[in-house]
Amino acid sequence: LPLYNHLYSSKEEDFQSQNIEIAKGFNTVHTFLGKK
């Protein structure tokens, strides 16, 4: 069941690193889960 599906490019001006993109996904899902 899709929760966080992000399409991006390493050529984008504000791209920093893949690890940061992954962290954004973890943050979004962590917030979604609440206390679970």
All heavy atoms as atom14 arrays in JSON, in Angstrom:
{
  "sequence": "LPLYNHLYSSKEEDFQSQNIEIAKGFNTVHTFLGKK",
  "atom14_mask": [
    [1, 1, 1, 1, 1, 1, 1, 1, 0, 0, 0, 0, 0, 0],
    [1, 1, 1, 1, 1, 1, 1, 0, 0, 0, 0, 0, 0, 0],
    [1, 1, 1, 1, 1, 1, 1, 1, 0, 0, 0, 0, 0, 0],
    [1, 1, 1, 1, 1, 1, 1, 1, 1, 1, 1, 1, 0, 0],
    [1, 1, 1, 1, 1, 1, 1, 1, 0, 0, 0, 0, 0, 0],
    [1, 1, 1, 1, 1, 1, 1, 1, 1, 1, 0, 0, 0, 0],
    [1, 1, 1, 1, 1, 1, 1, 1, 0, 0, 0, 0, 0, 0],
    [1, 1, 1, 1, 1, 1, 1, 1, 1, 1, 1, 1, 0, 0],
    [1, 1, 1, 1, 1, 1, 0, 0, 0, 0, 0, 0, 0, 0],
    [1, 1, 1, 1, 1, 1, 0, 0, 0, 0, 0, 0, 0, 0],
    [1, 1, 1, 1, 1, 1, 1, 1, 1, 0, 0, 0, 0, 0],
    [1, 1, 1, 1, 1, 1, 1, 1, 1, 0, 0, 0, 0, 0],
    [1, 1, 1, 1, 1, 1, 1, 1, 1, 0, 0, 0, 0, 0],
    [1, 1, 1, 1, 1, 1, 1, 1, 0, 0, 0, 0, 0, 0],
    [1, 1, 1, 1, 1, 1, 1, 1, 1, 1, 1, 0, 0, 0],
    [1, 1, 1, 1, 1, 1, 1, 1, 1, 0, 0, 0, 0, 0],
    [1, 1, 1, 1, 1, 1, 0, 0, 0, 0, 0, 0, 0, 0],
    [1, 1, 1, 1, 1, 1, 1, 1, 1, 0, 0, 0, 0, 0],
    [1, 1, 1, 1, 1, 1, 1, 1, 0, 0, 0, 0, 0, 0],
    [1, 1, 1, 1, 1, 1, 1, 1, 0, 0, 0, 0, 0, 0],
    [1, 1, 1, 1, 1, 1, 1, 1, 1, 0, 0, 0, 0, 0],
    [1, 1, 1, 1, 1, 1, 1, 1, 0, 0, 0, 0, 0, 0],
    [1, 1, 1, 1, 1, 0, 0, 0, 0, 0, 0, 0, 0, 0],
    [1, 1, 1, 1, 1, 1, 1, 1, 1, 0, 0, 0, 0, 0],
    [1, 1, 1, 1, 0, 0, 0, 0, 0, 0, 0, 0, 0, 0],
    [1, 1, 1, 1, 1, 1, 1, 1, 1, 1, 1, 0, 0, 0],
    [1, 1, 1, 1, 1, 1, 1, 1, 0, 0, 0, 0, 0, 0],
    [1, 1, 1, 1, 1, 1, 1, 0, 0, 0, 0, 0, 0, 0],
    [1, 1, 1, 1, 1, 1, 1, 0, 0, 0, 0, 0, 0, 0],
    [1, 1, 1, 1, 1, 1, 1, 1, 1, 1, 0, 0, 0, 0],
    [1, 1, 1, 1, 1, 1, 1, 0, 0, 0, 0, 0, 0, 0],
    [1, 1, 1, 1, 1, 1, 1, 1, 1, 1, 1, 0, 0, 0],
    [1, 1, 1, 1, 1, 1, 1, 1, 0, 0, 0, 0, 0, 0],
    [1, 1, 1, 1, 0, 0, 0, 0, 0, 0, 0, 0, 0, 0],
    [1, 1, 1, 1, 1, 1, 1, 1, 1, 0, 0, 0, 0, 0],
    [1, 1, 1, 1, 1, 1, 1, 1, 1, 0, 0, 0, 0, 0]
  ],
  "atom14_positions": [
    [[0.86, -1.18, 0.0], [0.0, 0.0, 0.0], [0.89, 1.23, 0.0], [1.61, 1.48, 0.96], [-0.88, -0.03, 1.25], [-2.05, 0.93, 1.37], [-3.08, 0.66, 0.28], [-2.69, 0.79, 2.74], [0.0, 0.0, 0.0], [0.0, 0.0, 0.0], [0.0, 0.0, 0.0], [0.0, 0.0, 0.0], [0.0, 0.0, 0.0], [0.0, 0.0, 0.0]],
    [[0.92, 2.02, -1.09], [1.84, 3.16, -1.18], [1.65, 4.16, -0.03], [0.53, 4.56, 0.26], [1.48, 3.8, -2.53], [0.86, 2.71, -3.32], [0.12, 1.87, -2.33], [0.0, 0.0, 0.0], [0.0, 0.0, 0.0], [0.0, 0.0, 0.0], [0.0, 0.0, 0.0], [0.0, 0.0, 0.0], [0.0, 0.0, 0.0], [0.0, 0.0, 0.0]],
    [[2.77, 4.53, 0.61], [2.75, 5.55, 1.66], [3.54, 6.78, 1.24], [3.05, 7.9, 1.34], [3.36, 4.99, 2.96], [2.62, 3.86, 3.67], [3.35, 3.49, 4.94], [1.17, 4.23, 3.96], [0.0, 0.0, 0.0], [0.0, 0.0, 0.0], [0.0, 0.0, 0.0], [0.0, 0.0, 0.0], [0.0, 0.0, 0.0], [0.0, 0.0, 0.0]],
    [[4.76, 6.55, 0.79], [5.63, 7.65, 0.37], [6.32, 7.2, -0.91], [7.14, 6.28, -0.89], [6.65, 7.98, 1.45], [7.6, 9.11, 1.09], [7.25, 10.44, 1.3], [8.86, 8.84, 0.54], [8.12, 11.47, 0.97], [9.73, 9.87, 0.2], [9.36, 11.17, 0.43], [10.22, 12.21, 0.1], [0.0, 0.0, 0.0], [0.0, 0.0, 0.0]],
    [[5.95, 7.81, -2.01], [6.51, 7.44, -3.31], [7.0, 8.71, -3.97], [6.21, 9.51, -4.46], [5.45, 6.74, -4.16], [4.89, 5.51, -3.47], [4.05, 5.63, -2.59], [5.36, 4.34, -3.85], [0.0, 0.0, 0.0], [0.0, 0.0, 0.0], [0.0, 0.0, 0.0], [0.0, 0.0, 0.0], [0.0, 0.0, 0.0], [0.0, 0.0, 0.0]],
    [[8.31, 8.88, -3.97], [8.88, 10.16, -4.39], [9.75, 9.97, -5.62], [10.65, 9.14, -5.65], [9.71, 10.76, -3.25], [10.29, 12.09, -3.57], [9.53, 13.15, -4.02], [11.58, 12.55, -3.51], [10.32, 14.2, -4.22], [11.55, 13.85, -3.93], [0.0, 0.0, 0.0], [0.0, 0.0, 0.0], [0.0, 0.0, 0.0], [0.0, 0.0, 0.0]],
    [[9.46, 10.77, -6.64], [10.23, 10.8, -7.87], [11.13, 12.04, -7.83], [10.65, 13.14, -7.56], [9.28, 10.85, -9.06], [9.83, 10.86, -10.48], [8.77, 10.29, -11.43], [10.18, 12.27, -10.95], [0.0, 0.0, 0.0], [0.0, 0.0, 0.0], [0.0, 0.0, 0.0], [0.0, 0.0, 0.0], [0.0, 0.0, 0.0], [0.0, 0.0, 0.0]],
    [[12.41, 11.86, -8.08], [13.33, 13.0, -8.0], [14.44, 12.85, -9.04], [14.49, 11.87, -9.79], [13.91, 13.13, -6.59], [14.79, 11.96, -6.16], [16.18, 12.02, -6.28], [14.24, 10.8, -5.63], [16.98, 10.95, -5.89], [15.03, 9.73, -5.24], [16.4, 9.82, -5.37], [17.2, 8.76, -4.99], [0.0, 0.0, 0.0], [0.0, 0.0, 0.0]],
    [[15.33, 13.82, -9.08], [16.46, 13.78, -9.99], [17.7, 14.33, -9.3], [17.61, 15.34, -8.59], [16.18, 14.59, -11.26], [17.35, 14.72, -12.04], [0.0, 0.0, 0.0], [0.0, 0.0, 0.0], [0.0, 0.0, 0.0], [0.0, 0.0, 0.0], [0.0, 0.0, 0.0], [0.0, 0.0, 0.0], [0.0, 0.0, 0.0], [0.0, 0.0, 0.0]],
    [[18.82, 13.68, -9.51], [20.08, 14.18, -8.96], [20.52, 15.47, -9.65], [21.44, 16.15, -9.18], [21.17, 13.11, -9.09], [21.36, 12.76, -10.46], [0.0, 0.0, 0.0], [0.0, 0.0, 0.0], [0.0, 0.0, 0.0], [0.0, 0.0, 0.0], [0.0, 0.0, 0.0], [0.0, 0.0, 0.0], [0.0, 0.0, 0.0], [0.0, 0.0, 0.0]],
    [[19.85, 15.81, -10.76], [20.18, 17.05, -11.49], [19.38, 18.26, -10.99], [19.63, 19.38, -11.44], [19.91, 16.85, -12.99], [20.8, 15.8, -13.66], [22.22, 16.31, -13.84], [23.08, 15.32, -14.62], [22.69, 15.22, -16.04], [0.0, 0.0, 0.0], [0.0, 0.0, 0.0], [0.0, 0.0, 0.0], [0.0, 0.0, 0.0], [0.0, 0.0, 0.0]],
    [[18.43, 18.03, -10.09], [17.64, 19.14, -9.58], [18.51, 20.08, -8.75], [19.45, 19.65, -8.07], [16.48, 18.63, -8.71], [15.39, 17.94, -9.49], [14.25, 17.5, -8.59], [14.3, 16.36, -8.09], [13.31, 18.28, -8.4], [0.0, 0.0, 0.0], [0.0, 0.0, 0.0], [0.0, 0.0, 0.0], [0.0, 0.0, 0.0], [0.0, 0.0, 0.0]],
    [[18.19, 21.35, -8.79], [19.01, 22.37, -8.14], [19.1, 22.15, -6.63], [20.16, 22.37, -6.03], [18.43, 23.76, -8.43], [19.34, 24.9, -8.01], [18.79, 26.26, -8.41], [18.04, 26.32, -9.41], [19.11, 27.24, -7.74], [0.0, 0.0, 0.0], [0.0, 0.0, 0.0], [0.0, 0.0, 0.0], [0.0, 0.0, 0.0], [0.0, 0.0, 0.0]],
    [[18.01, 21.71, -6.0], [18.01, 21.56, -4.54], [18.34, 20.14, -4.09], [18.23, 19.82, -2.89], [16.68, 22.0, -3.95], [15.5, 21.19, -4.5], [15.73, 20.41, -5.46], [14.38, 21.34, -4.0], [0.0, 0.0, 0.0], [0.0, 0.0, 0.0], [0.0, 0.0, 0.0], [0.0, 0.0, 0.0], [0.0, 0.0, 0.0], [0.0, 0.0, 0.0]],
    [[18.75, 19.26, -5.01], [19.14, 17.9, -4.62], [20.43, 17.93, -3.82], [21.4, 18.59, -4.2], [19.32, 17.02, -5.86], [19.83, 15.64, -5.55], [18.97, 14.67, -5.09], [21.18, 15.33, -5.71], [19.44, 13.38, -4.79], [21.66, 14.06, -5.41], [20.78, 13.09, -4.95], [0.0, 0.0, 0.0], [0.0, 0.0, 0.0], [0.0, 0.0, 0.0]],
    [[20.46, 17.2, -2.68], [21.66, 17.15, -1.85], [22.32, 15.77, -1.86], [23.48, 15.64, -2.18], [21.3, 17.56, -0.41], [20.9, 19.02, -0.29], [20.45, 19.38, 1.11], [19.31, 19.17, 1.48], [21.36, 19.92, 1.9], [0.0, 0.0, 0.0], [0.0, 0.0, 0.0], [0.0, 0.0, 0.0], [0.0, 0.0, 0.0], [0.0, 0.0, 0.0]],
    [[21.55, 14.74, -1.53], [22.1, 13.38, -1.55], [20.96, 12.37, -1.47], [19.84, 12.7, -1.05], [23.06, 13.16, -0.37], [22.33, 13.09, 0.85], [0.0, 0.0, 0.0], [0.0, 0.0, 0.0], [0.0, 0.0, 0.0], [0.0, 0.0, 0.0], [0.0, 0.0, 0.0], [0.0, 0.0, 0.0], [0.0, 0.0, 0.0], [0.0, 0.0, 0.0]],
    [[21.27, 11.13, -1.84], [20.26, 10.08, -1.76], [19.9, 9.81, -0.3], [18.73, 9.55, 0.02], [20.77, 8.8, -2.42], [19.69, 7.73, -2.53], [20.22, 6.39, -2.96], [21.21, 5.9, -2.43], [19.56, 5.79, -3.93], [0.0, 0.0, 0.0], [0.0, 0.0, 0.0], [0.0, 0.0, 0.0], [0.0, 0.0, 0.0], [0.0, 0.0, 0.0]],
    [[20.89, 9.87, 0.6], [20.61, 9.63, 2.01], [19.59, 10.62, 2.56], [18.73, 10.27, 3.39], [21.89, 9.7, 2.85], [22.68, 8.41, 2.79], [22.15, 7.36, 2.42], [23.95, 8.46, 3.16], [0.0, 0.0, 0.0], [0.0, 0.0, 0.0], [0.0, 0.0, 0.0], [0.0, 0.0, 0.0], [0.0, 0.0, 0.0], [0.0, 0.0, 0.0]],
    [[19.67, 11.87, 2.13], [18.71, 12.88, 2.58], [17.32, 12.58, 2.02], [16.31, 12.73, 2.72], [19.19, 14.3, 2.2], [20.4, 14.69, 3.06], [18.07, 15.32, 2.34], [21.02, 16.01, 2.73], [0.0, 0.0, 0.0], [0.0, 0.0, 0.0], [0.0, 0.0, 0.0], [0.0, 0.0, 0.0], [0.0, 0.0, 0.0], [0.0, 0.0, 0.0]],
    [[17.27, 12.14, 0.77], [15.98, 11.76, 0.19], [15.37, 10.59, 0.97], [14.16, 10.57, 1.23], [16.14, 11.37, -1.29], [16.59, 12.51, -2.2], [15.58, 13.64, -2.27], [14.37, 13.39, -2.09], [16.01, 14.79, -2.51], [0.0, 0.0, 0.0], [0.0, 0.0, 0.0], [0.0, 0.0, 0.0], [0.0, 0.0, 0.0], [0.0, 0.0, 0.0]],
    [[16.19, 9.62, 1.34], [15.72, 8.47, 2.12], [15.22, 8.92, 3.49], [14.17, 8.46, 3.97], [16.83, 7.42, 2.26], [17.14, 6.79, 0.9], [16.43, 6.33, 3.26], [18.38, 5.92, 0.88], [0.0, 0.0, 0.0], [0.0, 0.0, 0.0], [0.0, 0.0, 0.0], [0.0, 0.0, 0.0], [0.0, 0.0, 0.0], [0.0, 0.0, 0.0]],
    [[15.96, 9.84, 4.13], [15.56, 10.36, 5.45], [14.2, 11.04, 5.39], [13.39, 10.91, 6.32], [16.62, 11.32, 5.98], [0.0, 0.0, 0.0], [0.0, 0.0, 0.0], [0.0, 0.0, 0.0], [0.0, 0.0, 0.0], [0.0, 0.0, 0.0], [0.0, 0.0, 0.0], [0.0, 0.0, 0.0], [0.0, 0.0, 0.0], [0.0, 0.0, 0.0]],
    [[13.93, 11.75, 4.29], [12.62, 12.4, 4.13], [11.5, 11.35, 4.13], [10.42, 11.56, 4.7], [12.57, 13.19, 2.82], [13.44, 14.44, 2.8], [13.38, 15.09, 1.41], [14.32, 16.28, 1.3], [14.35, 16.84, -0.08], [0.0, 0.0, 0.0], [0.0, 0.0, 0.0], [0.0, 0.0, 0.0], [0.0, 0.0, 0.0], [0.0, 0.0, 0.0]],
    [[11.77, 10.22, 3.48], [10.79, 9.14, 3.45], [10.54, 8.57, 4.84], [9.39, 8.38, 5.25], [0.0, 0.0, 0.0], [0.0, 0.0, 0.0], [0.0, 0.0, 0.0], [0.0, 0.0, 0.0], [0.0, 0.0, 0.0], [0.0, 0.0, 0.0], [0.0, 0.0, 0.0], [0.0, 0.0, 0.0], [0.0, 0.0, 0.0], [0.0, 0.0, 0.0]],
    [[11.62, 8.31, 5.58], [11.48, 7.8, 6.95], [10.7, 8.78, 7.82], [9.84, 8.39, 8.61], [12.84, 7.52, 7.56], [13.43, 6.19, 7.18], [14.59, 6.11, 6.44], [12.81, 5.0, 7.56], [15.14, 4.89, 6.08], [13.35, 3.77, 7.2], [14.5, 3.71, 6.46], [0.0, 0.0, 0.0], [0.0, 0.0, 0.0], [0.0, 0.0, 0.0]],
    [[11.03, 10.06, 7.7], [10.34, 11.09, 8.51], [8.84, 11.12, 8.22], [8.02, 11.21, 9.14], [10.94, 12.48, 8.23], [12.28, 12.67, 8.91], [12.58, 12.0, 9.89], [13.08, 13.58, 8.39], [0.0, 0.0, 0.0], [0.0, 0.0, 0.0], [0.0, 0.0, 0.0], [0.0, 0.0, 0.0], [0.0, 0.0, 0.0], [0.0, 0.0, 0.0]],
    [[8.49, 11.07, 6.93], [7.08, 11.12, 6.54], [6.32, 9.92, 7.1], [5.23, 10.06, 7.66], [6.94, 11.16, 5.01], [7.62, 12.31, 4.5], [5.48, 11.2, 4.58], [0.0, 0.0, 0.0], [0.0, 0.0, 0.0], [0.0, 0.0, 0.0], [0.0, 0.0, 0.0], [0.0, 0.0, 0.0], [0.0, 0.0, 0.0], [0.0, 0.0, 0.0]],
    [[6.89, 8.74, 6.95], [6.22, 7.52, 7.42], [6.17, 7.49, 8.95], [5.15, 7.07, 9.53], [6.92, 6.27, 6.85], [6.3, 5.0, 7.43], [6.82, 6.25, 5.33], [0.0, 0.0, 0.0], [0.0, 0.0, 0.0], [0.0, 0.0, 0.0], [0.0, 0.0, 0.0], [0.0, 0.0, 0.0], [0.0, 0.0, 0.0], [0.0, 0.0, 0.0]],
    [[7.24, 7.92, 9.6], [7.26, 7.97, 11.07], [6.14, 8.87, 11.59], [5.43, 8.51, 12.55], [8.63, 8.48, 11.53], [8.72, 8.71, 13.01], [8.6, 7.68, 13.92], [8.91, 9.85, 13.73], [8.72, 8.18, 15.15], [8.91, 9.48, 15.06], [0.0, 0.0, 0.0], [0.0, 0.0, 0.0], [0.0, 0.0, 0.0], [0.0, 0.0, 0.0]],
    [[5.95, 10.02, 10.97], [4.87, 10.93, 11.36], [3.51, 10.3, 11.12], [2.6, 10.39, 11.95], [4.98, 12.26, 10.59], [6.26, 12.86, 10.85], [3.89, 13.23, 10.99], [0.0, 0.0, 0.0], [0.0, 0.0, 0.0], [0.0, 0.0, 0.0], [0.0, 0.0, 0.0], [0.0, 0.0, 0.0], [0.0, 0.0, 0.0], [0.0, 0.0, 0.0]],
    [[3.37, 9.64, 9.98], [2.11, 8.97, 9.63], [1.74, 7.89, 10.65], [0.58, 7.75, 11.03], [2.25, 8.36, 8.23], [1.19, 7.34, 7.89], [-0.11, 7.73, 7.63], [1.51, 5.99, 7.8], [-1.1, 6.79, 7.31], [0.54, 5.05, 7.47], [-0.76, 5.45, 7.23], [0.0, 0.0, 0.0], [0.0, 0.0, 0.0], [0.0, 0.0, 0.0]],
    [[2.73, 7.15, 11.13], [2.48, 6.03, 12.05], [2.08, 6.48, 13.45], [1.48, 5.72, 14.2], [3.72, 5.13, 12.14], [4.08, 4.36, 10.87], [5.44, 3.7, 11.03], [3.02, 3.33, 10.53], [0.0, 0.0, 0.0], [0.0, 0.0, 0.0], [0.0, 0.0, 0.0], [0.0, 0.0, 0.0], [0.0, 0.0, 0.0], [0.0, 0.0, 0.0]],
    [[2.41, 7.73, 13.78], [2.08, 8.21, 15.13], [2.88, 7.45, 16.17], [4.1, 7.37, 16.1], [0.0, 0.0, 0.0], [0.0, 0.0, 0.0], [0.0, 0.0, 0.0], [0.0, 0.0, 0.0], [0.0, 0.0, 0.0], [0.0, 0.0, 0.0], [0.0, 0.0, 0.0], [0.0, 0.0, 0.0], [0.0, 0.0, 0.0], [0.0, 0.0, 0.0]],
    [[2.2, 6.83, 17.13], [2.88, 6.12, 18.22], [3.12, 4.65, 17.92], [3.69, 3.94, 18.73], [2.06, 6.26, 19.51], [1.98, 7.7, 20.03], [1.19, 7.76, 21.33], [1.13, 9.2, 21.85], [0.36, 9.3, 23.12], [0.0, 0.0, 0.0], [0.0, 0.0, 0.0], [0.0, 0.0, 0.0], [0.0, 0.0, 0.0], [0.0, 0.0, 0.0]],
    [[2.68, 4.2, 16.75], [2.85, 2.78, 16.41], [4.27, 2.49, 15.96], [4.88, 3.27, 15.24], [1.86, 2.37, 15.33], [0.41, 2.38, 15.82], [-0.51, 1.63, 14.9], [-1.91, 1.56, 15.51], [-2.84, 0.8, 14.67], [0.0, 0.0, 0.0], [0.0, 0.0, 0.0], [0.0, 0.0, 0.0], [0.0, 0.0, 0.0], [0.0, 0.0, 0.0]]
  ]
}
